[in-house]
Amino acid sequence: MKLRLQLVMVNDAGQEQVQDVAQFEREGIAMETLGLTLAEGKLILKKVQEEIVQEQVNNALLRLRCCPDCGKMRNGRGHHDVTVRTVFGNVKLQSPRLSHCPCQPHAEKTFSPLQTMLPEHVSPELLYLEVKWSSLLPYGVSCELLHERAAGGREA
């Protein structure tokens, strides 16, 4: 049996975008192949998280590409990479640097809209879990668990 998981995203105009998330093959039935493995589940969550975050960021950046005062398209000045840490893994994003529109005076020539929207690079949920774990577990154990989670996030 072949299984294919897809994420269907529908924009405000009703257009659908389909992204493949994972593909699995199962033959026969045994406890080892019943359902998903932990690694497969982590991989699915990580990929779904990456796709959703990327789509949210793209939509938000698209709206900010035009000057709110005159509507003129802002020029891009390159980008830098930003890693956002979430409970379901790290998500790498490209943070564009845009020029301010000359229609209004600004203190800086350029700005990063993603930095303005997401000044923190760690989700509140992950921060909460890290604080909770550190208060409940001995320091060495919590470091070990967090390291394991981070390593698992990179491998998945």
Protein backbone atom coordinates (compact mmCIF):
# COMPACT_ATOMS: atom_id res chain seq x y z
CA MET A 1 0.00 0.00 0.00
CA LYS A 2 1.29 3.46 -0.89
CA LEU A 3 0.30 6.49 1.18
CA ARG A 4 0.75 10.11 0.13
CA LEU A 5 0.01 13.02 2.43
CA GLN A 6 -0.71 16.41 0.90
CA LEU A 7 -1.35 19.82 2.38
CA VAL A 8 -3.96 21.85 0.54
CA MET A 9 -3.78 25.60 1.14
CA VAL A 10 -6.61 27.81 -0.10
CA ASN A 11 -5.90 31.53 -0.53
CA ASP A 12 -8.40 34.37 -0.06
CA ALA A 13 -9.36 34.17 -3.75
CA GLY A 14 -10.29 30.49 -3.36
CA GLN A 15 -7.30 29.16 -5.34
CA GLU A 16 -5.84 25.92 -4.04
CA GLN A 17 -2.15 25.16 -3.72
CA VAL A 18 -1.21 21.54 -3.09
CA GLN A 19 2.08 20.60 -1.40
CA ASP A 20 3.28 17.05 -0.96
CA VAL A 21 4.18 16.45 2.67
CA ALA A 22 5.22 12.79 2.80
CA GLN A 23 4.99 9.44 1.04
CA PHE A 24 5.07 6.06 2.72
CA GLU A 25 4.88 2.45 1.63
CA ARG A 26 3.51 -0.35 3.75
CA GLU A 27 3.50 -4.05 2.93
CA GLY A 28 1.71 -6.55 5.08
CA ILE A 29 0.84 -5.94 8.66
CA ALA A 30 3.06 -6.18 11.70
CA MET A 31 3.44 -4.16 14.87
CA GLU A 32 6.59 -2.53 13.43
CA THR A 33 4.73 -1.26 10.35
CA LEU A 34 1.34 -0.50 11.89
CA GLY A 35 0.48 3.18 11.52
CA LEU A 36 3.21 5.80 11.66
CA THR A 37 6.57 5.53 13.34
CA LEU A 38 7.68 8.30 15.66
CA ALA A 39 10.21 9.48 13.07
CA GLU A 40 7.51 9.61 10.36
CA GLY A 41 5.16 11.54 12.64
CA LYS A 42 7.90 14.06 13.46
CA LEU A 43 8.74 14.44 9.78
CA ILE A 44 5.08 15.09 8.88
CA LEU A 45 4.67 17.70 11.62
CA LYS A 46 7.92 19.42 10.67
CA LYS A 47 7.01 19.61 6.98
CA VAL A 48 3.46 20.80 7.67
CA GLN A 49 4.84 23.45 10.04
CA GLU A 50 7.39 24.61 7.44
CA GLU A 51 4.75 24.91 4.70
CA ILE A 52 2.23 26.76 6.90
CA VAL A 53 4.82 29.19 8.30
CA GLN A 54 6.26 29.87 4.84
CA GLU A 55 2.80 30.55 3.39
CA GLN A 56 1.86 32.86 6.29
CA VAL A 57 5.12 34.80 5.90
CA ASN A 58 4.80 35.03 2.11
CA ASN A 59 1.24 36.39 2.36
CA ALA A 60 2.22 38.95 4.99
CA LEU A 61 5.31 40.09 3.06
CA LEU A 62 3.31 40.40 -0.16
CA ARG A 63 0.97 42.87 1.55
CA LEU A 64 3.90 44.89 2.90
CA ARG A 65 5.72 45.05 -0.44
CA CYS A 66 3.77 48.19 -1.42
CA CYS A 67 4.06 51.53 0.36
CA PRO A 68 1.00 52.08 2.58
CA ASP A 69 1.02 55.83 1.80
CA CYS A 70 1.24 55.93 -2.01
CA GLY A 71 0.84 52.27 -3.03
CA LYS A 72 4.12 52.24 -4.99
CA MET A 73 6.09 48.98 -5.01
CA ARG A 74 9.12 49.09 -2.69
CA ASN A 75 12.53 48.05 -4.01
CA GLY A 76 14.22 45.00 -2.53
CA ARG A 77 17.75 45.27 -1.15
CA GLY A 78 18.53 41.59 -0.76
CA HIS A 79 17.66 39.34 2.15
CA HIS A 80 19.13 37.54 5.11
CA ASP A 81 18.24 34.16 6.55
CA VAL A 82 16.28 33.89 9.76
CA THR A 83 15.61 30.70 11.72
CA VAL A 84 12.39 30.60 13.71
CA ARG A 85 12.29 27.98 16.46
CA THR A 86 8.90 26.29 17.01
CA VAL A 87 7.67 23.29 18.97
CA PHE A 88 7.54 21.31 15.73
CA GLY A 89 11.04 22.18 14.59
CA ASN A 90 13.10 25.04 13.25
CA VAL A 91 11.88 26.86 10.15
CA LYS A 92 14.36 28.72 7.95
CA LEU A 93 12.99 31.86 6.30
CA GLN A 94 14.37 34.49 3.97
CA SER A 95 13.87 37.94 5.48
CA PRO A 96 13.85 40.56 2.72
CA ARG A 97 15.31 44.02 3.19
CA LEU A 98 13.16 46.68 1.53
CA SER A 99 13.80 50.33 0.73
CA HIS A 100 11.51 52.89 2.27
CA CYS A 101 9.41 54.77 -0.26
CA PRO A 102 10.65 58.32 -0.94
CA CYS A 103 7.07 59.67 -0.62
CA GLN A 104 7.57 60.00 3.18
CA PRO A 105 10.69 60.84 5.21
CA HIS A 106 12.22 57.96 7.20
CA ALA A 107 15.14 57.76 9.61
CA GLU A 108 16.52 54.67 7.86
CA LYS A 109 16.83 53.96 4.14
CA THR A 110 15.85 50.30 4.44
CA PHE A 111 13.94 48.05 6.79
CA SER A 112 13.15 44.40 7.32
CA PRO A 113 9.38 43.80 7.47
CA LEU A 114 9.82 40.27 8.78
CA GLN A 115 11.92 41.57 11.68
CA THR A 116 9.15 44.04 12.47
CA MET A 117 6.44 41.35 12.33
CA LEU A 118 8.43 38.65 14.16
CA PRO A 119 11.03 40.34 16.41
CA GLU A 120 11.35 37.16 18.48
CA HIS A 121 12.63 34.05 16.73
CA VAL A 122 11.19 31.56 19.22
CA SER A 123 7.50 30.70 19.44
CA PRO A 124 5.83 31.44 22.79
CA GLU A 125 4.76 27.79 23.02
CA LEU A 126 8.36 26.57 22.78
CA LEU A 127 9.51 29.14 25.34
CA TYR A 128 6.77 27.98 27.68
CA LEU A 129 7.80 24.33 27.34
CA GLU A 130 11.48 25.15 27.84
CA VAL A 131 10.72 27.10 31.01
CA LYS A 132 8.39 24.39 32.28
CA TRP A 133 10.93 21.61 31.63
CA SER A 134 13.73 23.58 33.25
CA SER A 135 11.64 24.14 36.38
CA LEU A 136 10.62 20.49 36.69
CA LEU A 137 13.80 18.64 35.78
CA PRO A 138 17.37 18.76 36.99
CA TYR A 139 19.51 21.05 34.84
CA GLY A 140 21.51 18.26 33.18
CA VAL A 141 18.40 16.26 32.23
CA SER A 142 16.59 19.27 30.76
CA CYS A 143 19.70 20.20 28.71
CA GLU A 144 19.89 16.63 27.45
CA LEU A 145 16.19 16.59 26.49
CA LEU A 146 16.39 19.96 24.74
CA HIS A 147 19.51 18.88 22.90
CA GLU A 148 17.73 15.67 21.81
CA ARG A 149 14.71 17.68 20.62
CA ALA A 150 16.94 20.09 18.71
CA ALA A 151 18.90 17.24 17.16
CA GLY A 152 15.68 15.48 16.23
CA GLY A 153 14.39 18.68 14.62
CA ARG A 154 17.49 18.93 12.45
CA GLU A 155 17.41 15.32 11.33
CA ALA A 156 13.68 15.09 10.62
